[in-house]
PDB file of all heavy atoms in Angstrom:
ATOM      1  N   THR A   1       6.062   1.990  -4.329  1.00  0.00           N
ATOM      2  CA  THR A   1       5.321   1.037  -3.502  1.00  0.00           C
ATOM      3  C   THR A   1       6.239   0.442  -2.436  1.00  0.00           C
ATOM      4  O   THR A   1       7.390   0.080  -2.716  1.00  0.00           O
ATOM      5  CB  THR A   1       4.766  -0.097  -4.379  1.00  0.00           C
ATOM      6  OG1 THR A   1       3.912   0.459  -5.381  1.00  0.00           O
ATOM      7  CG2 THR A   1       3.987  -1.114  -3.558  1.00  0.00           C
ATOM      8  N   LEU A   2       5.734   0.409  -1.211  1.00  0.00           N
ATOM      9  CA  LEU A   2       6.524  -0.207  -0.128  1.00  0.00           C
ATOM     10  C   LEU A   2       6.555  -1.715  -0.305  1.00  0.00           C
ATOM     11  O   LEU A   2       5.678  -2.318  -0.939  1.00  0.00           O
ATOM     12  CB  LEU A   2       5.902   0.155   1.220  1.00  0.00           C
ATOM     13  CG  LEU A   2       6.082   1.633   1.636  1.00  0.00           C
ATOM     14  CD1 LEU A   2       5.271   1.922   2.891  1.00  0.00           C
ATOM     15  CD2 LEU A   2       7.556   1.951   1.865  1.00  0.00           C
ATOM     16  N   PRO A   3       7.557  -2.379   0.259  1.00  0.00           N
ATOM     17  CA  PRO A   3       7.681  -3.839   0.107  1.00  0.00           C
ATOM     18  C   PRO A   3       6.458  -4.585   0.644  1.00  0.00           C
ATOM     19  O   PRO A   3       5.857  -4.201   1.647  1.00  0.00           O
ATOM     20  CB  PRO A   3       8.926  -4.178   0.907  1.00  0.00           C
ATOM     21  CG  PRO A   3       9.696  -2.892   0.980  1.00  0.00           C
ATOM     22  CD  PRO A   3       8.666  -1.800   1.015  1.00  0.00           C
ATOM     23  N   GLU A   4       6.106  -5.645  -0.060  1.00  0.00           N
ATOM     24  CA  GLU A   4       5.009  -6.486   0.396  1.00  0.00           C
ATOM     25  C   GLU A   4       5.425  -7.307   1.636  1.00  0.00           C
ATOM     26  O   GLU A   4       6.628  -7.535   1.868  1.00  0.00           O
ATOM     27  CB  GLU A   4       4.597  -7.461  -0.708  1.00  0.00           C
ATOM     28  CG  GLU A   4       4.058  -6.791  -1.948  1.00  0.00           C
ATOM     29  CD  GLU A   4       3.811  -7.780  -3.064  1.00  0.00           C
ATOM     30  OE1 GLU A   4       4.616  -8.735  -3.199  1.00  0.00           O
ATOM     31  OE2 GLU A   4       2.818  -7.596  -3.788  1.00  0.00           O
ATOM     32  N   GLN A   5       4.441  -7.733   2.356  1.00  0.00           N
ATOM     33  CA  GLN A   5       4.698  -8.563   3.551  1.00  0.00           C
ATOM     34  C   GLN A   5       3.894  -9.858   3.424  1.00  0.00           C
ATOM     35  O   GLN A   5       2.739  -9.864   2.989  1.00  0.00           O
ATOM     36  CB  GLN A   5       4.286  -7.833   4.824  1.00  0.00           C
ATOM     37  CG  GLN A   5       5.132  -6.577   5.080  1.00  0.00           C
ATOM     38  CD  GLN A   5       4.732  -5.867   6.359  1.00  0.00           C
ATOM     39  OE1 GLN A   5       3.763  -6.262   7.013  1.00  0.00           O
ATOM     40  NE2 GLN A   5       5.471  -4.825   6.689  1.00  0.00           N
ATOM     41  N   LEU A   6       4.534 -10.996   3.846  1.00  0.00           N
ATOM     42  CA  LEU A   6       3.880 -12.290   3.784  1.00  0.00           C
ATOM     43  C   LEU A   6       2.904 -12.430   4.949  1.00  0.00           C
ATOM     44  O   LEU A   6       3.296 -12.376   6.119  1.00  0.00           O
ATOM     45  CB  LEU A   6       4.913 -13.427   3.818  1.00  0.00           C
ATOM     46  CG  LEU A   6       4.350 -14.840   3.737  1.00  0.00           C
ATOM     47  CD1 LEU A   6       3.620 -15.052   2.404  1.00  0.00           C
ATOM     48  CD2 LEU A   6       5.479 -15.863   3.903  1.00  0.00           C
ATOM     49  N   ARG A   7       1.685 -12.543   4.601  1.00  0.00           N
ATOM     50  CA  ARG A   7       0.638 -12.688   5.624  1.00  0.00           C
ATOM     51  C   ARG A   7      -0.237 -13.885   5.294  1.00  0.00           C
ATOM     52  O   ARG A   7      -1.014 -13.840   4.329  1.00  0.00           O
ATOM     53  CB  ARG A   7      -0.224 -11.428   5.699  1.00  0.00           C
ATOM     54  CG  ARG A   7       0.507 -10.196   6.170  1.00  0.00           C
ATOM     55  CD  ARG A   7       0.802 -10.289   7.685  1.00  0.00           C
ATOM     56  NE  ARG A   7       1.509  -9.125   8.141  1.00  0.00           N
ATOM     57  CZ  ARG A   7       0.924  -8.010   8.549  1.00  0.00           C
ATOM     58  NH1 ARG A   7      -0.374  -7.929   8.523  1.00  0.00           N
ATOM     59  NH2 ARG A   7       1.646  -6.994   8.974  1.00  0.00           N
ATOM     60  N   GLY A   8      -0.148 -14.948   6.077  1.00  0.00           N
ATOM     61  CA  GLY A   8      -0.995 -16.112   5.851  1.00  0.00           C
ATOM     62  C   GLY A   8      -0.792 -16.700   4.475  1.00  0.00           C
ATOM     63  O   GLY A   8       0.304 -17.117   4.100  1.00  0.00           O
ATOM     64  N   PRO A   9      -1.838 -16.730   3.699  1.00  0.00           N
ATOM     65  CA  PRO A   9      -1.782 -17.408   2.404  1.00  0.00           C
ATOM     66  C   PRO A   9      -1.006 -16.650   1.331  1.00  0.00           C
ATOM     67  O   PRO A   9      -0.750 -17.197   0.261  1.00  0.00           O
ATOM     68  CB  PRO A   9      -3.261 -17.523   2.016  1.00  0.00           C
ATOM     69  CG  PRO A   9      -3.905 -16.364   2.656  1.00  0.00           C
ATOM     70  CD  PRO A   9      -3.198 -16.189   3.979  1.00  0.00           C
ATOM     71  N   GLY A  10      -0.652 -15.388   1.514  1.00  0.00           N
ATOM     72  CA  GLY A  10       0.002 -14.633   0.445  1.00  0.00           C
ATOM     73  C   GLY A  10       0.614 -13.332   0.926  1.00  0.00           C
ATOM     74  O   GLY A  10       0.649 -13.031   2.124  1.00  0.00           O
ATOM     75  N   PHE A  11       1.109 -12.559  -0.060  1.00  0.00           N
ATOM     76  CA  PHE A  11       1.757 -11.281   0.235  1.00  0.00           C
ATOM     77  C   PHE A  11       0.730 -10.162   0.186  1.00  0.00           C
ATOM     78  O   PHE A  11      -0.095 -10.096  -0.723  1.00  0.00           O
ATOM     79  CB  PHE A  11       2.870 -11.000  -0.775  1.00  0.00           C
ATOM     80  CG  PHE A  11       4.056 -11.897  -0.622  1.00  0.00           C
ATOM     81  CD1 PHE A  11       4.123 -13.105  -1.321  1.00  0.00           C
ATOM     82  CD2 PHE A  11       5.095 -11.551   0.220  1.00  0.00           C
ATOM     83  CE1 PHE A  11       5.218 -13.936  -1.181  1.00  0.00           C
ATOM     84  CE2 PHE A  11       6.199 -12.392   0.353  1.00  0.00           C
ATOM     85  CZ  PHE A  11       6.275 -13.575  -0.335  1.00  0.00           C
ATOM     86  N   ILE A  12       0.830  -9.290   1.162  1.00  0.00           N
ATOM     87  CA  ILE A  12      -0.083  -8.153   1.244  1.00  0.00           C
ATOM     88  C   ILE A  12       0.737  -6.870   1.174  1.00  0.00           C
ATOM     89  O   ILE A  12       1.785  -6.745   1.822  1.00  0.00           O
ATOM     90  CB  ILE A  12      -0.904  -8.176   2.552  1.00  0.00           C
ATOM     91  CG1 ILE A  12      -1.759  -9.460   2.593  1.00  0.00           C
ATOM     92  CG2 ILE A  12      -1.778  -6.945   2.677  1.00  0.00           C
ATOM     93  CD1 ILE A  12      -2.532  -9.623   3.865  1.00  0.00           C
ATOM     94  N   GLY A  13       0.269  -5.898   0.347  1.00  0.00           N
ATOM     95  CA  GLY A  13       0.975  -4.632   0.192  1.00  0.00           C
ATOM     96  C   GLY A  13       1.041  -3.843   1.479  1.00  0.00           C
ATOM     97  O   GLY A  13       0.199  -3.972   2.367  1.00  0.00           O
ATOM     98  N   SER A  14       2.051  -2.965   1.525  1.00  0.00           N
ATOM     99  CA  SER A  14       2.283  -2.163   2.729  1.00  0.00           C
ATOM    100  C   SER A  14       2.042  -0.675   2.490  1.00  0.00           C
ATOM    101  O   SER A  14       2.492   0.156   3.267  1.00  0.00           O
ATOM    102  CB  SER A  14       3.727  -2.375   3.207  1.00  0.00           C
ATOM    103  OG  SER A  14       3.974  -3.726   3.497  1.00  0.00           O
ATOM    104  N   GLY A  15       1.428  -0.336   1.377  1.00  0.00           N
ATOM    105  CA  GLY A  15       1.212   1.071   1.080  1.00  0.00           C
ATOM    106  C   GLY A  15       2.287   1.625   0.158  1.00  0.00           C
ATOM    107  O   GLY A  15       2.911   0.897  -0.618  1.00  0.00           O
ATOM    108  N   SER A  16       2.512   2.920   0.221  1.00  0.00           N
ATOM    109  CA  SER A  16       3.493   3.581  -0.661  1.00  0.00           C
ATOM    110  C   SER A  16       4.186   4.717   0.075  1.00  0.00           C
ATOM    111  O   SER A  16       3.741   5.130   1.157  1.00  0.00           O
ATOM    112  CB  SER A  16       2.799   4.108  -1.922  1.00  0.00           C
ATOM    113  OG  SER A  16       1.823   5.078  -1.577  1.00  0.00           O
ATOM    114  N   ILE A  17       5.235   5.226  -0.572  1.00  0.00           N
ATOM    115  CA  ILE A  17       6.002   6.316   0.029  1.00  0.00           C
ATOM    116  C   ILE A  17       6.490   7.247  -1.083  1.00  0.00           C
ATOM    117  O   ILE A  17       6.739   6.805  -2.220  1.00  0.00           O
ATOM    118  CB  ILE A  17       7.199   5.759   0.837  1.00  0.00           C
ATOM    119  CG1 ILE A  17       7.870   6.884   1.623  1.00  0.00           C
ATOM    120  CG2 ILE A  17       8.217   5.089  -0.096  1.00  0.00           C
ATOM    121  CD1 ILE A  17       8.933   6.364   2.591  1.00  0.00           C
ATOM    122  N   VAL A  18       6.608   8.529  -0.768  1.00  0.00           N
ATOM    123  CA  VAL A  18       7.136   9.510  -1.727  1.00  0.00           C
ATOM    124  C   VAL A  18       8.649   9.327  -1.808  1.00  0.00           C
ATOM    125  O   VAL A  18       9.351   9.476  -0.796  1.00  0.00           O
ATOM    126  CB  VAL A  18       6.803  10.944  -1.321  1.00  0.00           C
ATOM    127  CG1 VAL A  18       7.509  11.941  -2.228  1.00  0.00           C
ATOM    128  CG2 VAL A  18       5.311  11.173  -1.357  1.00  0.00           C
ATOM    129  N   SER A  19       9.151   8.945  -2.981  1.00  0.00           N
ATOM    130  CA  SER A  19      10.596   8.726  -3.149  1.00  0.00           C
ATOM    131  C   SER A  19      11.339   9.991  -3.558  1.00  0.00           C
ATOM    132  O   SER A  19      12.513  10.157  -3.244  1.00  0.00           O
ATOM    133  CB  SER A  19      10.841   7.638  -4.194  1.00  0.00           C
ATOM    134  OG  SER A  19      10.318   8.040  -5.460  1.00  0.00           O
ATOM    135  N   ASP A  20      10.658  10.894  -4.290  1.00  0.00           N
ATOM    136  CA  ASP A  20      11.340  12.111  -4.751  1.00  0.00           C
ATOM    137  C   ASP A  20      10.312  13.108  -5.275  1.00  0.00           C
ATOM    138  O   ASP A  20       9.168  12.726  -5.598  1.00  0.00           O
ATOM    139  CB  ASP A  20      12.333  11.767  -5.871  1.00  0.00           C
ATOM    140  CG  ASP A  20      13.381  12.846  -6.072  1.00  0.00           C
ATOM    141  OD1 ASP A  20      13.351  13.862  -5.333  1.00  0.00           O
ATOM    142  OD2 ASP A  20      14.247  12.670  -6.949  1.00  0.00           O
ATOM    143  N   ILE A  21      10.718  14.349  -5.350  1.00  0.00           N
ATOM    144  CA  ILE A  21       9.940  15.395  -6.029  1.00  0.00           C
ATOM    145  C   ILE A  21      10.822  15.923  -7.149  1.00  0.00           C
ATOM    146  O   ILE A  21      11.870  16.534  -6.893  1.00  0.00           O
ATOM    147  CB  ILE A  21       9.534  16.511  -5.073  1.00  0.00           C
ATOM    148  CG1 ILE A  21       8.666  15.936  -3.933  1.00  0.00           C
ATOM    149  CG2 ILE A  21       8.781  17.609  -5.816  1.00  0.00           C
ATOM    150  CD1 ILE A  21       8.357  16.932  -2.829  1.00  0.00           C
ATOM    151  N   THR A  22      10.445  15.674  -8.373  1.00  0.00           N
ATOM    152  CA  THR A  22      11.318  15.960  -9.516  1.00  0.00           C
ATOM    153  C   THR A  22      10.750  17.070 -10.398  1.00  0.00           C
ATOM    154  O   THR A  22       9.548  17.350 -10.381  1.00  0.00           O
ATOM    155  CB  THR A  22      11.504  14.712 -10.377  1.00  0.00           C
ATOM    156  OG1 THR A  22      10.225  14.265 -10.867  1.00  0.00           O
ATOM    157  CG2 THR A  22      12.148  13.585  -9.563  1.00  0.00           C
ATOM    158  N   ARG A  23      11.675  17.673 -11.157  1.00  0.00           N
ATOM    159  CA  ARG A  23      11.271  18.615 -12.195  1.00  0.00           C
ATOM    160  C   ARG A  23      10.923  17.839 -13.458  1.00  0.00           C
ATOM    161  O   ARG A  23      11.613  16.866 -13.808  1.00  0.00           O
ATOM    162  CB  ARG A  23      12.385  19.595 -12.534  1.00  0.00           C
ATOM    163  CG  ARG A  23      12.834  20.486 -11.424  1.00  0.00           C
ATOM    164  CD  ARG A  23      13.827  21.537 -11.955  1.00  0.00           C
ATOM    165  NE  ARG A  23      14.959  20.957 -12.673  1.00  0.00           N
ATOM    166  CZ  ARG A  23      15.694  21.581 -13.576  1.00  0.00           C
ATOM    167  NH1 ARG A  23      15.402  22.833 -13.884  1.00  0.00           N
ATOM    168  NH2 ARG A  23      16.712  20.989 -14.161  1.00  0.00           N
ATOM    169  N   VAL A  24       9.908  18.284 -14.155  1.00  0.00           N
ATOM    170  CA  VAL A  24       9.574  17.692 -15.449  1.00  0.00           C
ATOM    171  C   VAL A  24      10.353  18.463 -16.509  1.00  0.00           C
ATOM    172  O   VAL A  24       9.954  19.547 -16.945  1.00  0.00           O
ATOM    173  CB  VAL A  24       8.055  17.756 -15.725  1.00  0.00           C
ATOM    174  CG1 VAL A  24       7.737  17.091 -17.057  1.00  0.00           C
ATOM    175  CG2 VAL A  24       7.285  17.102 -14.585  1.00  0.00           C
ATOM    176  N   VAL A  25      11.486  17.939 -16.876  1.00  0.00           N
ATOM    177  CA  VAL A  25      12.421  18.649 -17.749  1.00  0.00           C
ATOM    178  C   VAL A  25      12.968  17.706 -18.807  1.00  0.00           C
ATOM    179  O   VAL A  25      13.334  16.567 -18.499  1.00  0.00           O
ATOM    180  CB  VAL A  25      13.589  19.263 -16.930  1.00  0.00           C
ATOM    181  CG1 VAL A  25      14.648  19.828 -17.856  1.00  0.00           C
ATOM    182  CG2 VAL A  25      13.082  20.340 -15.998  1.00  0.00           C
ATOM    183  N   ASP A  26      13.015  18.215 -20.059  1.00  0.00           N
ATOM    184  CA  ASP A  26      13.729  17.527 -21.138  1.00  0.00           C
ATOM    185  C   ASP A  26      14.962  18.384 -21.452  1.00  0.00           C
ATOM    186  O   ASP A  26      14.842  19.492 -21.986  1.00  0.00           O
ATOM    187  CB  ASP A  26      12.834  17.403 -22.376  1.00  0.00           C
ATOM    188  CG  ASP A  26      13.495  16.587 -23.485  1.00  0.00           C
ATOM    189  OD1 ASP A  26      14.724  16.616 -23.591  1.00  0.00           O
ATOM    190  OD2 ASP A  26      12.759  15.925 -24.243  1.00  0.00           O
ATOM    191  N   GLN A  27      16.132  17.881 -21.105  1.00  0.00           N
ATOM    192  CA  GLN A  27      17.353  18.678 -21.241  1.00  0.00           C
ATOM    193  C   GLN A  27      17.618  19.075 -22.676  1.00  0.00           C
ATOM    194  O   GLN A  27      18.187  20.139 -22.942  1.00  0.00           O
ATOM    195  CB  GLN A  27      18.554  17.925 -20.661  1.00  0.00           C
ATOM    196  CG  GLN A  27      19.719  18.817 -20.282  1.00  0.00           C
ATOM    197  CD  GLN A  27      19.337  19.907 -19.304  1.00  0.00           C
ATOM    198  OE1 GLN A  27      18.707  19.638 -18.281  1.00  0.00           O
ATOM    199  NE2 GLN A  27      19.698  21.144 -19.614  1.00  0.00           N
ATOM    200  N   PHE A  28      17.190  18.239 -23.608  1.00  0.00           N
ATOM    201  CA  PHE A  28      17.352  18.605 -25.031  1.00  0.00           C
ATOM    202  C   PHE A  28      16.569  19.872 -25.352  1.00  0.00           C
ATOM    203  O   PHE A  28      17.059  20.768 -26.048  1.00  0.00           O
ATOM    204  CB  PHE A  28      16.900  17.455 -25.923  1.00  0.00           C
ATOM    205  CG  PHE A  28      16.834  17.814 -27.372  1.00  0.00           C
ATOM    206  CD1 PHE A  28      17.991  17.847 -28.146  1.00  0.00           C
ATOM    207  CD2 PHE A  28      15.629  18.152 -27.974  1.00  0.00           C
ATOM    208  CE1 PHE A  28      17.934  18.205 -29.498  1.00  0.00           C
ATOM    209  CE2 PHE A  28      15.569  18.494 -29.319  1.00  0.00           C
ATOM    210  CZ  PHE A  28      16.726  18.515 -30.080  1.00  0.00           C
ATOM    211  N   LEU A  29      15.344  19.961 -24.857  1.00  0.00           N
ATOM    212  CA  LEU A  29      14.513  21.131 -25.127  1.00  0.00           C
ATOM    213  C   LEU A  29      15.091  22.373 -24.452  1.00  0.00           C
ATOM    214  O   LEU A  29      15.064  23.478 -25.023  1.00  0.00           O
ATOM    215  CB  LEU A  29      13.088  20.889 -24.659  1.00  0.00           C
ATOM    216  CG  LEU A  29      12.309  19.794 -25.381  1.00  0.00           C
ATOM    217  CD1 LEU A  29      10.918  19.632 -24.772  1.00  0.00           C
ATOM    218  CD2 LEU A  29      12.204  20.096 -26.864  1.00  0.00           C
ATOM    219  N   VAL A  30      15.614  22.211 -23.252  1.00  0.00           N
ATOM    220  CA  VAL A  30      16.229  23.341 -22.545  1.00  0.00           C
ATOM    221  C   VAL A  30      17.435  23.851 -23.328  1.00  0.00           C
ATOM    222  O   VAL A  30      17.631  25.066 -23.498  1.00  0.00           O
ATOM    223  CB  VAL A  30      16.642  22.930 -21.117  1.00  0.00           C
ATOM    224  CG1 VAL A  30      17.449  24.038 -20.450  1.00  0.00           C
ATOM    225  CG2 VAL A  30      15.418  22.596 -20.283  1.00  0.00           C
ATOM    226  N   THR A  31      18.247  22.910 -23.815  1.00  0.00           N
ATOM    227  CA  THR A  31      19.425  23.305 -24.603  1.00  0.00           C
ATOM    228  C   THR A  31      19.007  23.985 -25.911  1.00  0.00           C
ATOM    229  O   THR A  31      19.626  24.964 -26.345  1.00  0.00           O
ATOM    230  CB  THR A  31      20.299  22.070 -24.909  1.00  0.00           C
ATOM    231  OG1 THR A  31      20.700  21.476 -23.679  1.00  0.00           O
ATOM    232  CG2 THR A  31      21.527  22.461 -25.704  1.00  0.00           C
TER     233      THR A  31
END
């Protein structure tokens, strides 16, 4: 989630952003 911004009476969200694309991996199972 992107940082909120103070607008008038309260904070309003700014949307979201893709932070990473990860593998779904359990290293114990791989080992």
